[in-house]
């Protein structure tokens, strides 16, 4: 009986551990998080996926361009998302 409980506990925790695609990475963007964002994604959803607001580098006429810090080699990587009307219209990233 004890072995059965231990086995159930191990199996249950194996499915509860977050994978890299769902791991919480506040303040930076992983490649898997970046791949979850597509054209038409609302800005609030992007903020929830990336766990950061990013930095607005250009804002005019309903357009907002935001840059985000990459988790892997942030000095060499670049992540940018362009919003119009509160939705993604373009995304761009460079990963080393």
N, C-alpha and C. Protein backbone atom coordinates (compact mmCIF):
# COMPACT_ATOMS: atom_id res chain seq x y z
N UNK A 1 0.82 -1.18 0.00
CA UNK A 1 0.00 0.00 0.00
C UNK A 1 0.88 1.26 0.00
N UNK A 2 1.92 1.24 0.82
CA UNK A 2 2.82 2.38 0.89
C UNK A 2 3.51 2.62 -0.45
N UNK A 3 3.93 1.55 -1.10
CA UNK A 3 4.57 1.66 -2.40
C UNK A 3 3.60 2.26 -3.43
N UNK A 4 2.34 1.88 -3.35
CA UNK A 4 1.33 2.40 -4.28
C UNK A 4 1.16 3.91 -4.06
N UNK A 5 1.13 4.37 -2.83
CA UNK A 5 0.99 5.79 -2.54
C UNK A 5 2.20 6.58 -3.02
N UNK A 6 3.39 6.03 -2.81
CA UNK A 6 4.61 6.69 -3.28
C UNK A 6 4.60 6.78 -4.80
N UNK A 7 4.21 5.72 -5.46
CA UNK A 7 4.15 5.71 -6.91
C UNK A 7 3.15 6.75 -7.43
N UNK A 8 1.99 6.83 -6.83
CA UNK A 8 0.99 7.83 -7.24
C UNK A 8 1.50 9.24 -7.00
N UNK A 9 2.21 9.46 -5.90
CA UNK A 9 2.76 10.77 -5.61
C UNK A 9 3.80 11.17 -6.66
N UNK A 10 4.69 10.24 -7.02
CA UNK A 10 5.73 10.52 -8.01
C UNK A 10 5.12 10.81 -9.37
N UNK A 11 4.15 10.04 -9.77
CA UNK A 11 3.50 10.25 -11.07
C UNK A 11 2.75 11.59 -11.07
N UNK A 12 2.07 11.90 -9.98
CA UNK A 12 1.34 13.16 -9.88
C UNK A 12 2.24 14.37 -9.93
N UNK A 13 3.38 14.32 -9.25
CA UNK A 13 4.29 15.47 -9.26
C UNK A 13 5.03 15.59 -10.59
N UNK A 14 5.21 14.50 -11.30
CA UNK A 14 5.87 14.57 -12.61
C UNK A 14 5.04 15.40 -13.59
N UNK A 15 3.71 15.30 -13.48
CA UNK A 15 2.85 16.08 -14.37
C UNK A 15 2.63 17.49 -13.86
N UNK A 16 2.90 17.75 -12.60
CA UNK A 16 2.69 19.08 -12.03
C UNK A 16 3.89 20.01 -12.22
N UNK A 17 5.06 19.46 -12.50
CA UNK A 17 6.26 20.27 -12.68
C UNK A 17 6.16 21.02 -14.01
N UNK A 18 6.34 22.36 -14.00
CA UNK A 18 6.21 23.09 -15.26
C UNK A 18 7.34 22.77 -16.22
N UNK A 19 6.99 22.70 -17.50
CA UNK A 19 8.01 22.50 -18.53
C UNK A 19 8.57 23.86 -18.90
N UNK A 20 9.57 23.89 -19.76
CA UNK A 20 10.18 25.16 -20.14
C UNK A 20 9.19 26.07 -20.86
N UNK A 21 8.20 25.49 -21.52
CA UNK A 21 7.22 26.31 -22.24
C UNK A 21 6.25 26.99 -21.28
N UNK A 22 6.05 26.42 -20.08
CA UNK A 22 5.10 27.02 -19.15
C UNK A 22 5.80 27.56 -17.91
N UNK A 23 7.10 27.47 -17.85
CA UNK A 23 7.83 27.95 -16.68
C UNK A 23 7.71 29.45 -16.57
N UNK A 24 7.60 29.93 -15.36
CA UNK A 24 7.46 31.36 -15.12
C UNK A 24 8.83 32.03 -15.20
N UNK A 25 8.97 32.97 -16.13
CA UNK A 25 10.23 33.69 -16.31
C UNK A 25 9.96 35.19 -16.26
N UNK A 26 9.75 35.73 -15.06
CA UNK A 26 9.40 37.15 -14.97
C UNK A 26 10.55 38.04 -15.44
N UNK A 27 10.19 39.07 -16.23
CA UNK A 27 11.17 40.05 -16.65
C UNK A 27 11.92 39.74 -17.93
N UNK A 28 11.75 38.53 -18.46
CA UNK A 28 12.44 38.20 -19.71
C UNK A 28 11.58 37.24 -20.54
N UNK A 29 11.93 37.11 -21.81
CA UNK A 29 11.15 36.32 -22.75
C UNK A 29 11.97 35.11 -23.22
N UNK A 30 11.37 33.94 -23.14
CA UNK A 30 12.01 32.73 -23.66
C UNK A 30 11.53 32.52 -25.10
N UNK A 31 12.22 31.66 -25.81
CA UNK A 31 11.81 31.37 -27.19
C UNK A 31 10.43 30.72 -27.23
N UNK A 32 10.14 29.85 -26.28
CA UNK A 32 8.83 29.19 -26.28
C UNK A 32 7.72 30.20 -25.98
N UNK A 33 7.99 31.17 -25.10
CA UNK A 33 7.00 32.22 -24.85
C UNK A 33 6.79 33.06 -26.11
N UNK A 34 7.88 33.38 -26.79
CA UNK A 34 7.80 34.17 -28.02
C UNK A 34 6.94 33.46 -29.08
N UNK A 35 7.10 32.14 -29.18
CA UNK A 35 6.34 31.38 -30.17
C UNK A 35 4.84 31.34 -29.87
N UNK A 36 4.44 31.63 -28.65
CA UNK A 36 3.02 31.62 -28.28
C UNK A 36 2.29 32.87 -28.75
N UNK A 37 3.02 33.90 -29.14
CA UNK A 37 2.43 35.17 -29.57
C UNK A 37 2.31 35.19 -31.09
N UNK A 38 1.12 35.56 -31.57
CA UNK A 38 0.84 35.61 -33.01
C UNK A 38 0.13 36.91 -33.35
N UNK A 39 -0.01 37.21 -34.63
CA UNK A 39 -0.77 38.38 -35.05
C UNK A 39 -2.19 38.28 -34.50
N UNK A 40 -2.68 39.40 -33.97
CA UNK A 40 -4.02 39.43 -33.40
C UNK A 40 -4.07 39.16 -31.91
N UNK A 41 -2.97 38.73 -31.32
CA UNK A 41 -2.94 38.50 -29.87
C UNK A 41 -3.07 39.83 -29.14
N UNK A 42 -4.01 39.94 -28.18
CA UNK A 42 -4.17 41.20 -27.44
C UNK A 42 -2.93 41.52 -26.58
N UNK A 43 -2.70 42.80 -26.36
CA UNK A 43 -1.53 43.26 -25.61
C UNK A 43 -1.51 42.68 -24.19
N UNK A 44 -2.67 42.60 -23.53
CA UNK A 44 -2.71 42.05 -22.17
C UNK A 44 -2.31 40.58 -22.15
N UNK A 45 -2.69 39.83 -23.16
CA UNK A 45 -2.29 38.42 -23.22
C UNK A 45 -0.78 38.31 -23.43
N UNK A 46 -0.21 39.17 -24.27
CA UNK A 46 1.24 39.18 -24.47
C UNK A 46 1.95 39.46 -23.15
N UNK A 47 1.44 40.43 -22.39
CA UNK A 47 2.03 40.75 -21.08
C UNK A 47 1.96 39.56 -20.14
N UNK A 48 0.86 38.81 -20.17
CA UNK A 48 0.75 37.62 -19.32
C UNK A 48 1.70 36.52 -19.77
N UNK A 49 1.83 36.32 -21.06
CA UNK A 49 2.73 35.28 -21.58
C UNK A 49 4.18 35.61 -21.27
N UNK A 50 4.58 36.87 -21.54
CA UNK A 50 5.96 37.29 -21.33
C UNK A 50 6.29 37.60 -19.87
N UNK A 51 5.29 37.77 -19.02
CA UNK A 51 5.48 38.13 -17.60
C UNK A 51 6.17 39.47 -17.44
N UNK A 52 6.02 40.36 -18.40
CA UNK A 52 6.59 41.70 -18.32
C UNK A 52 5.85 42.61 -19.29
N UNK A 53 5.87 43.91 -19.01
CA UNK A 53 5.24 44.89 -19.90
C UNK A 53 6.17 45.28 -21.03
N UNK A 54 7.46 45.04 -20.88
CA UNK A 54 8.42 45.49 -21.87
C UNK A 54 8.63 46.99 -21.76
N UNK A 55 9.36 47.54 -22.71
CA UNK A 55 9.64 48.97 -22.73
C UNK A 55 9.11 49.55 -24.03
N UNK A 56 8.26 50.56 -23.92
CA UNK A 56 7.72 51.20 -25.10
C UNK A 56 8.79 52.10 -25.71
N UNK A 57 9.13 51.87 -26.97
CA UNK A 57 10.16 52.67 -27.63
C UNK A 57 9.56 53.62 -28.66
N UNK A 58 8.30 53.39 -29.04
CA UNK A 58 7.63 54.26 -29.99
C UNK A 58 6.13 54.14 -29.80
N UNK A 59 5.47 55.29 -29.72
CA UNK A 59 4.03 55.28 -29.53
C UNK A 59 3.44 56.45 -30.31
N UNK A 60 2.61 56.14 -31.32
CA UNK A 60 2.01 57.21 -32.13
C UNK A 60 0.80 56.66 -32.87
N UNK A 61 -0.28 57.42 -32.86
CA UNK A 61 -1.46 57.08 -33.65
C UNK A 61 -2.03 55.70 -33.42
N UNK A 62 -2.09 55.23 -32.20
CA UNK A 62 -2.63 53.91 -31.91
C UNK A 62 -1.64 52.77 -32.08
N UNK A 63 -0.42 53.09 -32.51
CA UNK A 63 0.63 52.09 -32.64
C UNK A 63 1.54 52.16 -31.42
N UNK A 64 2.01 51.01 -30.99
CA UNK A 64 2.93 50.93 -29.85
C UNK A 64 3.97 49.87 -30.16
N UNK A 65 5.23 50.24 -30.14
CA UNK A 65 6.33 49.29 -30.36
C UNK A 65 7.00 49.06 -29.01
N UNK A 66 7.07 47.80 -28.62
CA UNK A 66 7.67 47.45 -27.32
C UNK A 66 8.82 46.48 -27.52
N UNK A 67 9.87 46.67 -26.74
CA UNK A 67 11.00 45.75 -26.76
C UNK A 67 11.04 45.02 -25.42
N UNK A 68 11.54 43.80 -25.46
CA UNK A 68 11.58 42.93 -24.29
C UNK A 68 12.97 42.34 -24.14
N UNK A 69 13.36 42.06 -22.91
CA UNK A 69 14.65 41.43 -22.63
C UNK A 69 14.52 39.93 -22.84
N UNK A 70 15.45 39.34 -23.54
CA UNK A 70 15.47 37.89 -23.76
C UNK A 70 16.12 37.21 -22.56
N UNK A 71 15.63 36.02 -22.23
CA UNK A 71 16.20 35.28 -21.09
C UNK A 71 17.57 34.70 -21.41
N UNK A 72 17.74 34.21 -22.63
CA UNK A 72 18.99 33.57 -23.03
C UNK A 72 19.90 34.58 -23.71
N UNK A 73 21.04 34.86 -23.12
CA UNK A 73 22.04 35.80 -23.66
C UNK A 73 21.39 37.15 -24.00
N UNK A 74 20.86 37.84 -23.00
CA UNK A 74 20.10 39.07 -23.24
C UNK A 74 20.89 40.19 -23.90
N UNK A 75 22.20 40.19 -23.77
CA UNK A 75 22.99 41.26 -24.42
C UNK A 75 23.08 41.08 -25.93
N UNK A 76 22.87 39.85 -26.41
CA UNK A 76 22.97 39.58 -27.84
C UNK A 76 21.61 39.36 -28.50
N UNK A 77 20.58 39.09 -27.71
CA UNK A 77 19.25 38.81 -28.27
C UNK A 77 18.40 40.07 -28.28
N UNK A 78 17.38 40.05 -29.13
CA UNK A 78 16.51 41.21 -29.27
C UNK A 78 15.09 40.72 -29.55
N UNK A 79 14.11 41.22 -28.79
CA UNK A 79 12.72 40.85 -28.98
C UNK A 79 11.90 42.13 -29.08
N UNK A 80 11.13 42.25 -30.15
CA UNK A 80 10.30 43.44 -30.38
C UNK A 80 8.91 43.00 -30.83
N UNK A 81 7.89 43.66 -30.31
CA UNK A 81 6.51 43.38 -30.71
C UNK A 81 5.85 44.70 -31.04
N UNK A 82 5.17 44.76 -32.20
CA UNK A 82 4.47 45.96 -32.66
C UNK A 82 2.98 45.74 -32.48
N UNK A 83 2.33 46.69 -31.79
CA UNK A 83 0.90 46.62 -31.53
C UNK A 83 0.19 47.73 -32.29
N UNK A 84 -1.01 47.46 -32.73
CA UNK A 84 -1.88 48.47 -33.30
C UNK A 84 -3.29 48.18 -32.81
N UNK A 85 -3.91 49.18 -32.20
CA UNK A 85 -5.25 48.97 -31.66
C UNK A 85 -5.27 47.95 -30.54
N UNK A 86 -4.16 47.79 -29.83
CA UNK A 86 -4.10 46.85 -28.71
C UNK A 86 -3.86 45.40 -29.10
N UNK A 87 -3.54 45.15 -30.38
CA UNK A 87 -3.28 43.78 -30.83
C UNK A 87 -1.95 43.71 -31.58
N UNK A 88 -1.34 42.53 -31.55
CA UNK A 88 -0.07 42.32 -32.24
C UNK A 88 -0.30 42.39 -33.75
N UNK A 89 0.54 43.20 -34.42
CA UNK A 89 0.51 43.20 -35.89
C UNK A 89 1.83 42.69 -36.46
N UNK A 90 2.90 42.74 -35.64
CA UNK A 90 4.21 42.29 -36.10
C UNK A 90 5.07 41.94 -34.90
N UNK A 91 5.86 40.89 -35.02
CA UNK A 91 6.82 40.56 -33.98
C UNK A 91 8.14 40.24 -34.64
N UNK A 92 9.21 40.49 -33.91
CA UNK A 92 10.55 40.30 -34.45
C UNK A 92 11.49 39.91 -33.33
N UNK A 93 12.36 38.94 -33.58
CA UNK A 93 13.33 38.54 -32.56
C UNK A 93 14.62 38.07 -33.22
N UNK A 94 15.71 38.31 -32.53
CA UNK A 94 17.02 37.81 -32.92
C UNK A 94 17.55 37.02 -31.75
N UNK A 95 17.86 35.75 -31.97
CA UNK A 95 18.39 34.88 -30.92
C UNK A 95 19.78 34.44 -31.33
N UNK A 96 20.77 34.59 -30.45
CA UNK A 96 22.14 34.14 -30.77
C UNK A 96 22.26 32.62 -30.77
